Amino acid sequence: MNIYLIRHGEAQSGKTVDSSFGLSCLGVFQAKCLGSRLSQYQIERIYTSDESGAVQTADIINRYLTVDIFKRGELRDIDKGSFLRGWEFVNEFHPVFSEKYSEHAEDVPYPGGENGLDVMLRSSNVINEILNSDCNNIAVVTHAGTIQSLICGALGLGQARRFFIGAPFEHCSISILTFDKKDDRFYIHTINDHAHLEILKARR
């Protein structure tokens, strides 16, 4: 079984700290390029985060796939809590977090938010649902932090290591988790593949 982990397209804000926005014009084009590529892979279902950027990405790629879409809150981006107020605020009011976060040695939770383990545990509910299906190829449209946490979980890595995987994940990139039911284990087939977006560089 192949699980295609997909980061949503670029949001209207152009920022990476808030994934609640819909897609920018570039994000829409990225999703179209992605949909064209995924049409080669016999995708049988799409699971998506219920945040707007991910849902819009899923809807666009489904123009090329025409399969069922399942929205799941468990696939949302990591809750960054007070971190969304910016580094100046975090440094002033959460100095211990700021120091530990910069070292990337521990899986520290964002102030008032989640850590990587929280994300892995909730999003794994969807992965388990997928593993119990009869499908062979499923697309999961989600967010960079969620993809990092899922990959660490699949490989048995500590969640603090997620910061060193796909840094950064490109919008509409593909990372493939392959699950071997005989061995009962995951293999990482691809990480952060965005070859389908090379056309964008050619246009610049």
N, C-alpha and C. Protein backbone atom coordinates (compact mmCIF):
# COMPACT_ATOMS: atom_id res chain seq x y z
N MET A 1 0.84 -1.19 0.00
CA MET A 1 0.00 0.00 0.00
C MET A 1 0.88 1.25 0.00
N ASN A 2 0.50 2.23 -0.83
CA ASN A 2 1.22 3.49 -0.91
C ASN A 2 0.35 4.62 -0.37
N ILE A 3 0.89 5.38 0.56
CA ILE A 3 0.21 6.55 1.10
C ILE A 3 0.98 7.78 0.64
N TYR A 4 0.33 8.60 -0.17
CA TYR A 4 0.96 9.79 -0.74
C TYR A 4 0.67 10.97 0.19
N LEU A 5 1.66 11.37 0.97
CA LEU A 5 1.52 12.51 1.87
C LEU A 5 1.82 13.79 1.10
N ILE A 6 0.84 14.67 1.06
CA ILE A 6 0.93 15.86 0.21
C ILE A 6 0.77 17.12 1.04
N ARG A 7 1.70 18.04 0.89
CA ARG A 7 1.51 19.35 1.52
C ARG A 7 0.60 20.19 0.63
N HIS A 8 -0.28 20.94 1.26
CA HIS A 8 -1.21 21.80 0.51
C HIS A 8 -0.47 22.86 -0.30
N GLY A 9 -1.17 23.49 -1.23
CA GLY A 9 -0.59 24.56 -2.03
C GLY A 9 -0.37 25.83 -1.21
N GLU A 10 0.37 26.76 -1.80
CA GLU A 10 0.66 28.02 -1.12
C GLU A 10 -0.63 28.74 -0.75
N ALA A 11 -0.68 29.27 0.48
CA ALA A 11 -1.86 29.98 0.96
C ALA A 11 -1.86 31.43 0.48
N GLN A 12 -3.02 32.06 0.54
CA GLN A 12 -3.17 33.44 0.08
C GLN A 12 -2.24 34.39 0.82
N SER A 13 -2.01 34.11 2.10
CA SER A 13 -1.16 35.00 2.89
C SER A 13 0.30 34.92 2.47
N GLY A 14 0.66 33.78 1.81
CA GLY A 14 2.05 33.56 1.46
C GLY A 14 2.90 33.17 2.65
N LYS A 15 2.24 32.96 3.80
CA LYS A 15 2.96 32.63 5.02
C LYS A 15 2.85 31.14 5.29
N THR A 16 3.78 30.65 6.12
CA THR A 16 3.74 29.23 6.49
C THR A 16 3.26 29.03 7.92
N VAL A 17 3.07 30.12 8.68
CA VAL A 17 2.68 29.96 10.08
C VAL A 17 1.19 29.77 10.24
N ASP A 18 0.39 30.07 9.24
CA ASP A 18 -1.06 29.95 9.36
C ASP A 18 -1.60 29.28 8.12
N SER A 19 -2.17 28.09 8.30
CA SER A 19 -2.65 27.31 7.16
C SER A 19 -4.15 27.41 7.00
N SER A 20 -4.78 28.42 7.65
CA SER A 20 -6.23 28.53 7.60
C SER A 20 -6.72 29.32 6.39
N PHE A 21 -5.80 29.89 5.59
CA PHE A 21 -6.18 30.65 4.41
C PHE A 21 -6.43 29.72 3.23
N GLY A 22 -7.22 30.22 2.27
CA GLY A 22 -7.36 29.51 1.00
C GLY A 22 -6.09 29.68 0.18
N LEU A 23 -6.08 29.09 -1.00
CA LEU A 23 -4.87 29.10 -1.83
C LEU A 23 -4.69 30.42 -2.57
N SER A 24 -3.43 30.79 -2.76
CA SER A 24 -3.08 31.90 -3.64
C SER A 24 -3.20 31.44 -5.09
N CYS A 25 -3.03 32.36 -6.02
CA CYS A 25 -3.05 31.97 -7.45
C CYS A 25 -1.94 30.96 -7.73
N LEU A 26 -0.78 31.17 -7.12
CA LEU A 26 0.32 30.22 -7.29
C LEU A 26 -0.07 28.87 -6.69
N GLY A 27 -0.70 28.90 -5.53
CA GLY A 27 -1.12 27.65 -4.89
C GLY A 27 -2.09 26.86 -5.74
N VAL A 28 -2.99 27.55 -6.42
CA VAL A 28 -3.94 26.87 -7.32
C VAL A 28 -3.19 26.21 -8.46
N PHE A 29 -2.21 26.91 -9.03
CA PHE A 29 -1.44 26.34 -10.13
C PHE A 29 -0.61 25.15 -9.66
N GLN A 30 -0.04 25.26 -8.46
CA GLN A 30 0.71 24.14 -7.89
C GLN A 30 -0.18 22.91 -7.76
N ALA A 31 -1.40 23.11 -7.29
CA ALA A 31 -2.34 21.99 -7.10
C ALA A 31 -2.72 21.36 -8.44
N LYS A 32 -2.84 22.18 -9.47
CA LYS A 32 -3.15 21.64 -10.81
C LYS A 32 -1.99 20.78 -11.32
N CYS A 33 -0.77 21.26 -11.13
CA CYS A 33 0.40 20.47 -11.54
C CYS A 33 0.44 19.16 -10.77
N LEU A 34 0.13 19.23 -9.49
CA LEU A 34 0.10 18.03 -8.65
C LEU A 34 -0.97 17.06 -9.12
N GLY A 35 -2.16 17.58 -9.40
CA GLY A 35 -3.25 16.71 -9.85
C GLY A 35 -2.90 15.98 -11.13
N SER A 36 -2.26 16.69 -12.06
CA SER A 36 -1.86 16.07 -13.31
C SER A 36 -0.89 14.92 -13.06
N ARG A 37 0.04 15.13 -12.14
CA ARG A 37 1.00 14.07 -11.85
C ARG A 37 0.34 12.89 -11.15
N LEU A 38 -0.52 13.17 -10.18
CA LEU A 38 -1.15 12.09 -9.42
C LEU A 38 -2.07 11.23 -10.29
N SER A 39 -2.51 11.77 -11.40
CA SER A 39 -3.40 11.00 -12.29
C SER A 39 -2.72 9.74 -12.82
N GLN A 40 -1.39 9.67 -12.70
CA GLN A 40 -0.64 8.49 -13.15
C GLN A 40 -0.64 7.35 -12.13
N TYR A 41 -1.08 7.64 -10.90
CA TYR A 41 -0.81 6.71 -9.79
C TYR A 41 -2.02 5.92 -9.31
N GLN A 42 -3.11 5.98 -10.00
CA GLN A 42 -4.29 5.17 -9.66
C GLN A 42 -4.72 5.38 -8.21
N ILE A 43 -4.79 6.64 -7.81
CA ILE A 43 -5.25 6.99 -6.47
C ILE A 43 -6.72 6.59 -6.32
N GLU A 44 -7.03 5.94 -5.20
CA GLU A 44 -8.39 5.43 -4.99
C GLU A 44 -9.22 6.27 -4.03
N ARG A 45 -8.57 7.01 -3.17
CA ARG A 45 -9.26 7.90 -2.23
C ARG A 45 -8.36 9.08 -1.92
N ILE A 46 -8.99 10.16 -1.46
CA ILE A 46 -8.25 11.29 -0.93
C ILE A 46 -8.73 11.55 0.50
N TYR A 47 -7.79 11.61 1.42
CA TYR A 47 -8.07 12.10 2.77
C TYR A 47 -7.45 13.49 2.87
N THR A 48 -8.14 14.42 3.53
CA THR A 48 -7.60 15.76 3.64
C THR A 48 -7.88 16.36 5.00
N SER A 49 -6.95 17.18 5.46
CA SER A 49 -7.20 18.05 6.59
C SER A 49 -8.43 18.90 6.28
N ASP A 50 -9.17 19.29 7.32
CA ASP A 50 -10.35 20.11 7.08
C ASP A 50 -10.05 21.60 7.05
N GLU A 51 -8.77 21.97 7.09
CA GLU A 51 -8.41 23.38 6.95
C GLU A 51 -8.50 23.79 5.48
N SER A 52 -8.85 25.05 5.25
CA SER A 52 -9.28 25.48 3.92
C SER A 52 -8.23 25.28 2.83
N GLY A 53 -6.97 25.56 3.13
CA GLY A 53 -5.93 25.38 2.11
C GLY A 53 -5.80 23.95 1.65
N ALA A 54 -5.91 23.03 2.60
CA ALA A 54 -5.82 21.60 2.26
C ALA A 54 -7.05 21.14 1.50
N VAL A 55 -8.23 21.58 1.95
CA VAL A 55 -9.47 21.18 1.27
C VAL A 55 -9.48 21.68 -0.17
N GLN A 56 -9.06 22.92 -0.37
CA GLN A 56 -9.03 23.46 -1.73
C GLN A 56 -8.03 22.70 -2.60
N THR A 57 -6.89 22.36 -2.03
CA THR A 57 -5.90 21.56 -2.77
C THR A 57 -6.49 20.21 -3.16
N ALA A 58 -7.16 19.56 -2.21
CA ALA A 58 -7.77 18.26 -2.48
C ALA A 58 -8.83 18.36 -3.58
N ASP A 59 -9.63 19.41 -3.52
CA ASP A 59 -10.68 19.59 -4.53
C ASP A 59 -10.09 19.77 -5.93
N ILE A 60 -9.00 20.50 -6.01
CA ILE A 60 -8.37 20.74 -7.32
C ILE A 60 -7.76 19.46 -7.87
N ILE A 61 -7.02 18.73 -7.05
CA ILE A 61 -6.40 17.51 -7.57
C ILE A 61 -7.46 16.46 -7.90
N ASN A 62 -8.61 16.56 -7.25
CA ASN A 62 -9.66 15.58 -7.53
C ASN A 62 -10.32 15.80 -8.88
N ARG A 63 -10.10 16.95 -9.50
CA ARG A 63 -10.57 17.14 -10.88
C ARG A 63 -9.87 16.15 -11.81
N TYR A 64 -8.68 15.73 -11.43
CA TYR A 64 -7.90 14.80 -12.24
C TYR A 64 -8.12 13.35 -11.81
N LEU A 65 -8.65 13.15 -10.60
CA LEU A 65 -8.74 11.80 -10.04
C LEU A 65 -10.17 11.28 -9.94
N THR A 66 -11.12 12.18 -9.65
CA THR A 66 -12.55 11.84 -9.48
C THR A 66 -12.75 10.65 -8.55
N VAL A 67 -12.30 10.81 -7.31
CA VAL A 67 -12.48 9.78 -6.29
C VAL A 67 -13.17 10.42 -5.07
N ASP A 68 -13.49 9.62 -4.09
CA ASP A 68 -14.11 10.15 -2.87
C ASP A 68 -13.08 10.90 -2.03
N ILE A 69 -13.55 12.01 -1.42
CA ILE A 69 -12.71 12.81 -0.53
C ILE A 69 -13.26 12.68 0.89
N PHE A 70 -12.36 12.43 1.85
CA PHE A 70 -12.73 12.31 3.25
C PHE A 70 -12.01 13.40 4.05
N LYS A 71 -12.76 14.31 4.67
CA LYS A 71 -12.17 15.38 5.47
C LYS A 71 -11.99 14.90 6.91
N ARG A 72 -10.81 15.15 7.46
CA ARG A 72 -10.49 14.70 8.81
C ARG A 72 -9.79 15.81 9.61
N GLY A 73 -10.38 16.18 10.72
CA GLY A 73 -9.76 17.17 11.60
C GLY A 73 -8.45 16.70 12.18
N GLU A 74 -8.27 15.38 12.26
CA GLU A 74 -7.02 14.83 12.83
C GLU A 74 -5.81 15.15 11.97
N LEU A 75 -6.05 15.55 10.72
CA LEU A 75 -4.94 15.85 9.81
C LEU A 75 -4.56 17.33 9.80
N ARG A 76 -5.13 18.10 10.72
CA ARG A 76 -4.80 19.52 10.78
C ARG A 76 -3.32 19.74 11.08
N ASP A 77 -2.88 20.96 10.80
CA ASP A 77 -1.50 21.33 11.09
C ASP A 77 -1.27 21.33 12.60
N ILE A 78 -0.02 21.27 13.00
CA ILE A 78 0.31 21.34 14.42
C ILE A 78 -0.19 22.67 14.98
N ASP A 79 -0.79 22.61 16.16
CA ASP A 79 -1.30 23.81 16.82
C ASP A 79 -0.12 24.55 17.44
N LYS A 80 0.19 25.71 16.89
CA LYS A 80 1.37 26.45 17.34
C LYS A 80 1.08 27.39 18.51
N GLY A 81 -0.16 27.45 18.96
CA GLY A 81 -0.49 28.24 20.13
C GLY A 81 0.01 29.67 20.05
N SER A 82 0.70 30.12 21.11
CA SER A 82 1.18 31.50 21.18
C SER A 82 2.28 31.80 20.18
N PHE A 83 2.85 30.76 19.58
CA PHE A 83 3.91 30.96 18.60
C PHE A 83 3.43 31.79 17.42
N LEU A 84 2.12 31.73 17.15
CA LEU A 84 1.56 32.49 16.03
C LEU A 84 1.63 34.00 16.28
N ARG A 85 1.90 34.39 17.51
CA ARG A 85 2.01 35.82 17.82
C ARG A 85 3.41 36.35 17.52
N GLY A 86 4.31 35.48 17.10
CA GLY A 86 5.63 35.92 16.67
C GLY A 86 6.72 35.67 17.69
N TRP A 87 7.96 35.70 17.18
CA TRP A 87 9.12 35.38 18.02
C TRP A 87 9.30 36.40 19.15
N GLU A 88 9.02 37.67 18.87
CA GLU A 88 9.22 38.69 19.91
C GLU A 88 8.36 38.37 21.14
N PHE A 89 7.11 37.99 20.89
CA PHE A 89 6.22 37.63 22.00
C PHE A 89 6.72 36.38 22.70
N VAL A 90 7.10 35.38 21.93
CA VAL A 90 7.56 34.11 22.51
C VAL A 90 8.83 34.31 23.33
N ASN A 91 9.77 35.07 22.80
CA ASN A 91 11.02 35.30 23.52
C ASN A 91 10.79 36.02 24.85
N GLU A 92 9.80 36.92 24.86
CA GLU A 92 9.54 37.69 26.08
C GLU A 92 8.78 36.87 27.13
N PHE A 93 7.77 36.14 26.68
CA PHE A 93 6.88 35.48 27.64
C PHE A 93 7.12 33.97 27.79
N HIS A 94 7.87 33.40 26.87
CA HIS A 94 8.16 31.96 26.95
C HIS A 94 9.63 31.70 26.64
N PRO A 95 10.55 32.29 27.42
CA PRO A 95 11.98 32.18 27.11
C PRO A 95 12.52 30.75 27.18
N VAL A 96 11.99 29.93 28.09
CA VAL A 96 12.46 28.55 28.20
C VAL A 96 12.10 27.77 26.94
N PHE A 97 10.86 27.95 26.48
CA PHE A 97 10.46 27.30 25.23
C PHE A 97 11.34 27.77 24.08
N SER A 98 11.57 29.07 24.00
CA SER A 98 12.35 29.64 22.91
C SER A 98 13.74 29.01 22.83
N GLU A 99 14.37 28.85 23.99
CA GLU A 99 15.71 28.27 24.03
C GLU A 99 15.69 26.80 23.61
N LYS A 100 14.76 26.03 24.16
CA LYS A 100 14.69 24.61 23.85
C LYS A 100 14.28 24.38 22.39
N TYR A 101 13.36 25.19 21.91
CA TYR A 101 12.90 25.03 20.53
C TYR A 101 14.04 25.26 19.55
N SER A 102 14.85 26.25 19.80
CA SER A 102 15.96 26.58 18.90
C SER A 102 16.99 25.46 18.83
N GLU A 103 17.10 24.66 19.89
CA GLU A 103 18.07 23.56 19.91
C GLU A 103 17.57 22.33 19.16
N HIS A 104 16.25 22.19 19.03
CA HIS A 104 15.63 21.02 18.37
C HIS A 104 16.13 19.70 18.95
N ALA A 105 16.37 19.69 20.26
CA ALA A 105 16.83 18.46 20.92
C ALA A 105 15.69 17.74 21.63
N GLU A 106 14.60 18.47 21.91
CA GLU A 106 13.45 17.89 22.59
C GLU A 106 12.19 18.18 21.79
N ASP A 107 11.19 17.34 22.00
CA ASP A 107 9.89 17.55 21.35
C ASP A 107 9.02 18.42 22.26
N VAL A 108 9.41 19.68 22.38
CA VAL A 108 8.70 20.58 23.30
C VAL A 108 7.41 21.08 22.65
N PRO A 109 6.34 21.16 23.43
CA PRO A 109 5.08 21.68 22.87
C PRO A 109 5.16 23.20 22.69
N TYR A 110 4.50 23.69 21.67
CA TYR A 110 4.35 25.14 21.53
C TYR A 110 3.56 25.66 22.73
N PRO A 111 3.85 26.86 23.22
CA PRO A 111 3.10 27.40 24.35
C PRO A 111 1.61 27.48 24.02
N GLY A 112 0.81 26.76 24.78
CA GLY A 112 -0.63 26.74 24.52
C GLY A 112 -1.00 25.91 23.30
N GLY A 113 -0.06 25.11 22.79
CA GLY A 113 -0.31 24.33 21.58
C GLY A 113 0.14 22.89 21.73
N GLU A 114 0.55 22.30 20.61
CA GLU A 114 0.90 20.88 20.57
C GLU A 114 2.39 20.67 20.38
N ASN A 115 2.80 19.42 20.57
CA ASN A 115 4.13 19.00 20.14
C ASN A 115 3.98 17.94 19.05
N GLY A 116 5.10 17.45 18.57
CA GLY A 116 5.05 16.49 17.47
C GLY A 116 4.33 15.21 17.81
N LEU A 117 4.52 14.73 19.06
CA LEU A 117 3.85 13.49 19.47
C LEU A 117 2.34 13.65 19.45
N ASP A 118 1.85 14.80 19.89
CA ASP A 118 0.40 15.06 19.84
C ASP A 118 -0.13 14.92 18.42
N VAL A 119 0.60 15.51 17.49
CA VAL A 119 0.17 15.48 16.08
C VAL A 119 0.23 14.06 15.53
N MET A 120 1.30 13.35 15.85
CA MET A 120 1.45 11.99 15.36
C MET A 120 0.34 11.09 15.87
N LEU A 121 -0.01 11.22 17.14
CA LEU A 121 -1.04 10.36 17.73
C LEU A 121 -2.41 10.61 17.11
N ARG A 122 -2.76 11.89 16.92
CA ARG A 122 -4.10 12.15 16.36
C ARG A 122 -4.16 11.82 14.87
N SER A 123 -3.12 12.14 14.13
CA SER A 123 -3.14 11.86 12.69
C SER A 123 -2.99 10.37 12.40
N SER A 124 -2.40 9.62 13.33
CA SER A 124 -2.27 8.18 13.15
C SER A 124 -3.63 7.48 13.12
N ASN A 125 -4.65 8.11 13.71
CA ASN A 125 -5.99 7.53 13.63
C ASN A 125 -6.44 7.40 12.18
N VAL A 126 -6.10 8.41 11.38
CA VAL A 126 -6.46 8.37 9.96
C VAL A 126 -5.61 7.34 9.23
N ILE A 127 -4.33 7.29 9.55
CA ILE A 127 -3.45 6.31 8.90
C ILE A 127 -3.93 4.90 9.20
N ASN A 128 -4.34 4.63 10.43
CA ASN A 128 -4.85 3.30 10.76
C ASN A 128 -6.12 2.98 9.99
N GLU A 129 -6.97 3.98 9.81
CA GLU A 129 -8.18 3.79 8.99
C GLU A 129 -7.79 3.42 7.56
N ILE A 130 -6.78 4.08 7.04
CA ILE A 130 -6.31 3.79 5.69
C ILE A 130 -5.75 2.37 5.61
N LEU A 131 -4.96 1.99 6.59
CA LEU A 131 -4.35 0.66 6.58
C LEU A 131 -5.39 -0.45 6.65
N ASN A 132 -6.53 -0.16 7.24
CA ASN A 132 -7.59 -1.15 7.35
C ASN A 132 -8.52 -1.17 6.14
N SER A 133 -8.22 -0.33 5.16
CA SER A 133 -9.03 -0.30 3.94
C SER A 133 -8.49 -1.33 2.93
N ASP A 134 -9.21 -1.49 1.85
CA ASP A 134 -8.79 -2.41 0.79
C ASP A 134 -8.04 -1.69 -0.33
N CYS A 135 -7.72 -0.42 -0.12
CA CYS A 135 -7.08 0.38 -1.17
C CYS A 135 -5.58 0.12 -1.23
N ASN A 136 -5.01 0.41 -2.38
CA ASN A 136 -3.56 0.28 -2.58
C ASN A 136 -2.85 1.62 -2.70
N ASN A 137 -3.58 2.66 -3.11
CA ASN A 137 -2.98 3.98 -3.32
C ASN A 137 -3.92 5.05 -2.80
N ILE A 138 -3.50 5.76 -1.77
CA ILE A 138 -4.34 6.78 -1.15
C ILE A 138 -3.54 8.07 -0.99
N ALA A 139 -4.16 9.20 -1.33
CA ALA A 139 -3.54 10.51 -1.16
C ALA A 139 -4.03 11.13 0.14
N VAL A 140 -3.10 11.74 0.87
CA VAL A 140 -3.43 12.43 2.12
C VAL A 140 -2.92 13.86 2.00
N VAL A 141 -3.84 14.81 1.93
CA VAL A 141 -3.48 16.22 1.79
C VAL A 141 -3.46 16.84 3.18
N THR A 142 -2.32 17.32 3.60
CA THR A 142 -2.19 17.83 4.96
C THR A 142 -1.15 18.95 5.00
N HIS A 143 -0.38 19.03 6.07
CA HIS A 143 0.49 20.17 6.32
C HIS A 143 1.91 19.69 6.64
N ALA A 144 2.87 20.58 6.46
CA ALA A 144 4.28 20.20 6.60
C ALA A 144 4.57 19.56 7.96
N GLY A 145 4.11 20.21 9.05
CA GLY A 145 4.38 19.67 10.38
C GLY A 145 3.75 18.31 10.60
N THR A 146 2.57 18.11 10.04
CA THR A 146 1.89 16.82 10.18
C THR A 146 2.63 15.74 9.41
N ILE A 147 3.10 16.08 8.22
CA ILE A 147 3.88 15.12 7.43
C ILE A 147 5.16 14.74 8.16
N GLN A 148 5.84 15.72 8.72
CA GLN A 148 7.07 15.44 9.47
C GLN A 148 6.80 14.50 10.64
N SER A 149 5.73 14.75 11.37
CA SER A 149 5.40 13.91 12.53
C SER A 149 5.04 12.50 12.11
N LEU A 150 4.29 12.37 11.02
CA LEU A 150 3.91 11.04 10.53
C LEU A 150 5.12 10.24 10.07
N ILE A 151 6.04 10.90 9.38
CA ILE A 151 7.24 10.19 8.91
C ILE A 151 8.09 9.73 10.10
N CYS A 152 8.25 10.59 11.10
CA CYS A 152 8.99 10.18 12.30
C CYS A 152 8.32 8.99 12.96
N GLY A 153 7.01 9.04 13.07
CA GLY A 153 6.28 7.93 13.67
C GLY A 153 6.44 6.65 12.89
N ALA A 154 6.39 6.75 11.57
CA ALA A 154 6.51 5.56 10.72
C ALA A 154 7.89 4.92 10.84
N LEU A 155 8.92 5.75 11.03
CA LEU A 155 10.29 5.25 11.12
C LEU A 155 10.73 4.95 12.55
N GLY A 156 9.87 5.27 13.52
CA GLY A 156 10.24 5.04 14.91
C GLY A 156 11.26 6.04 15.43
N LEU A 157 11.29 7.22 14.83
CA LEU A 157 12.22 8.26 15.26
C LEU A 157 11.58 9.12 16.34
N GLY A 158 12.41 9.70 17.20
CA GLY A 158 11.91 10.67 18.15
C GLY A 158 11.37 11.89 17.41
N GLN A 159 10.31 12.48 17.95
CA GLN A 159 9.66 13.59 17.24
C GLN A 159 10.54 14.83 17.13
N ALA A 160 11.53 14.97 17.97
CA ALA A 160 12.45 16.11 17.84
C ALA A 160 13.20 16.06 16.52
N ARG A 161 13.29 14.86 15.91
CA ARG A 161 14.01 14.72 14.64
C ARG A 161 13.20 15.24 13.46
N ARG A 162 11.94 15.56 13.69
CA ARG A 162 11.09 15.97 12.56
C ARG A 162 11.58 17.25 11.91
N PHE A 163 12.27 18.07 12.66
CA PHE A 163 12.75 19.34 12.11
C PHE A 163 13.83 19.14 11.04
N PHE A 164 14.37 17.95 10.95
CA PHE A 164 15.44 17.67 9.99
C PHE A 164 14.94 16.89 8.78
N ILE A 165 13.62 16.78 8.65
CA ILE A 165 13.01 16.07 7.52
C ILE A 165 12.30 17.08 6.63
N GLY A 166 12.73 17.16 5.38
CA GLY A 166 12.06 18.06 4.44
C GLY A 166 12.02 19.48 4.93
N ALA A 167 13.17 20.05 5.19
CA ALA A 167 13.23 21.40 5.74
C ALA A 167 13.64 22.40 4.66
N PRO A 168 12.71 23.11 4.03
CA PRO A 168 11.27 23.00 4.27
C PRO A 168 10.60 22.05 3.28
N PHE A 169 9.39 21.62 3.61
CA PHE A 169 8.58 20.89 2.64
C PHE A 169 8.01 21.88 1.63
N GLU A 170 8.18 21.55 0.35
CA GLU A 170 7.63 22.41 -0.69
C GLU A 170 6.11 22.26 -0.73
N HIS A 171 5.43 23.35 -1.08
CA HIS A 171 3.99 23.27 -1.27
C HIS A 171 3.68 22.29 -2.41
N CYS A 172 2.68 21.46 -2.19
CA CYS A 172 2.23 20.45 -3.16
C CYS A 172 3.31 19.41 -3.47
N SER A 173 4.23 19.22 -2.53
CA SER A 173 5.21 18.14 -2.68
C SER A 173 4.58 16.81 -2.30
N ILE A 174 5.23 15.73 -2.73
CA ILE A 174 4.76 14.37 -2.48
C ILE A 174 5.80 13.62 -1.66
N SER A 175 5.37 13.02 -0.57
CA SER A 175 6.20 12.10 0.21
C SER A 175 5.44 10.78 0.30
N ILE A 176 6.09 9.68 -0.03
CA ILE A 176 5.37 8.41 -0.13
C ILE A 176 5.79 7.46 1.00
N LEU A 177 4.80 7.08 1.80
CA LEU A 177 4.97 6.00 2.78
C LEU A 177 4.44 4.72 2.16
N THR A 178 5.25 3.70 2.10
CA THR A 178 4.81 2.40 1.60
C THR A 178 4.70 1.44 2.78
N PHE A 179 3.53 0.84 2.93
CA PHE A 179 3.31 -0.11 4.02
C PHE A 179 3.28 -1.53 3.48
N ASP A 180 4.17 -2.36 4.00
CA ASP A 180 4.23 -3.77 3.60
C ASP A 180 3.43 -4.58 4.62
N LYS A 181 2.29 -5.09 4.20
CA LYS A 181 1.42 -5.82 5.14
C LYS A 181 2.05 -7.13 5.60
N LYS A 182 2.87 -7.75 4.77
CA LYS A 182 3.53 -8.99 5.17
C LYS A 182 4.54 -8.74 6.28
N ASP A 183 5.32 -7.67 6.12
CA ASP A 183 6.33 -7.33 7.13
C ASP A 183 5.76 -6.50 8.28
N ASP A 184 4.55 -5.96 8.06
CA ASP A 184 3.90 -5.09 9.04
C ASP A 184 4.79 -3.90 9.40
N ARG A 185 5.31 -3.25 8.37
CA ARG A 185 6.16 -2.09 8.61
C ARG A 185 6.08 -1.11 7.46
N PHE A 186 6.49 0.12 7.77
CA PHE A 186 6.52 1.19 6.78
C PHE A 186 7.91 1.31 6.16
N TYR A 187 7.92 1.74 4.92
CA TYR A 187 9.15 2.13 4.23
C TYR A 187 8.93 3.53 3.65
N ILE A 188 9.96 4.35 3.71
CA ILE A 188 9.88 5.67 3.10
C ILE A 188 10.37 5.57 1.67
N HIS A 189 9.48 5.80 0.75
CA HIS A 189 9.83 5.66 -0.66
C HIS A 189 10.32 6.98 -1.24
N THR A 190 9.68 8.08 -0.85
CA THR A 190 10.00 9.40 -1.40
C THR A 190 9.75 10.46 -0.33
N ILE A 191 10.58 11.49 -0.30
CA ILE A 191 10.35 12.62 0.60
C ILE A 191 10.46 13.93 -0.19
N ASN A 192 9.42 14.76 -0.06
CA ASN A 192 9.47 16.13 -0.59
C ASN A 192 9.71 16.20 -2.10
N ASP A 193 9.14 15.27 -2.83
CA ASP A 193 9.28 15.24 -4.29
C ASP A 193 8.39 16.33 -4.90
N HIS A 194 9.00 17.26 -5.62
CA HIS A 194 8.22 18.33 -6.26
C HIS A 194 8.67 18.54 -7.71
N ALA A 195 9.06 17.45 -8.35
CA ALA A 195 9.52 17.54 -9.75
C ALA A 195 8.43 18.09 -10.66
N HIS A 196 7.17 17.86 -10.31
CA HIS A 196 6.06 18.34 -11.13
C HIS A 196 5.92 19.87 -11.08
N LEU A 197 6.67 20.52 -10.19
CA LEU A 197 6.61 21.97 -10.09
C LEU A 197 7.79 22.65 -10.79
N GLU A 198 8.62 21.88 -11.46
CA GLU A 198 9.78 22.46 -12.15
C GLU A 198 9.35 23.47 -13.21
N ILE A 199 8.16 23.28 -13.75
CA ILE A 199 7.66 24.20 -14.77
C ILE A 199 7.54 25.62 -14.22
N LEU A 200 7.32 25.74 -12.91
CA LEU A 200 7.21 27.06 -12.29
C LEU A 200 8.54 27.79 -12.30
N LYS A 201 9.63 27.05 -12.11
CA LYS A 201 10.96 27.67 -12.16
C LYS A 201 11.27 28.15 -13.57
N ALA A 202 10.82 27.39 -14.55
CA ALA A 202 11.09 27.74 -15.94
C ALA A 202 10.38 29.03 -16.33
N ARG A 203 9.27 29.33 -15.64
CA ARG A 203 8.49 30.52 -15.97
C ARG A 203 9.01 31.78 -15.29
N ARG A 204 9.92 31.61 -14.33
CA ARG A 204 10.40 32.78 -13.59
C ARG A 204 11.47 33.51 -14.38
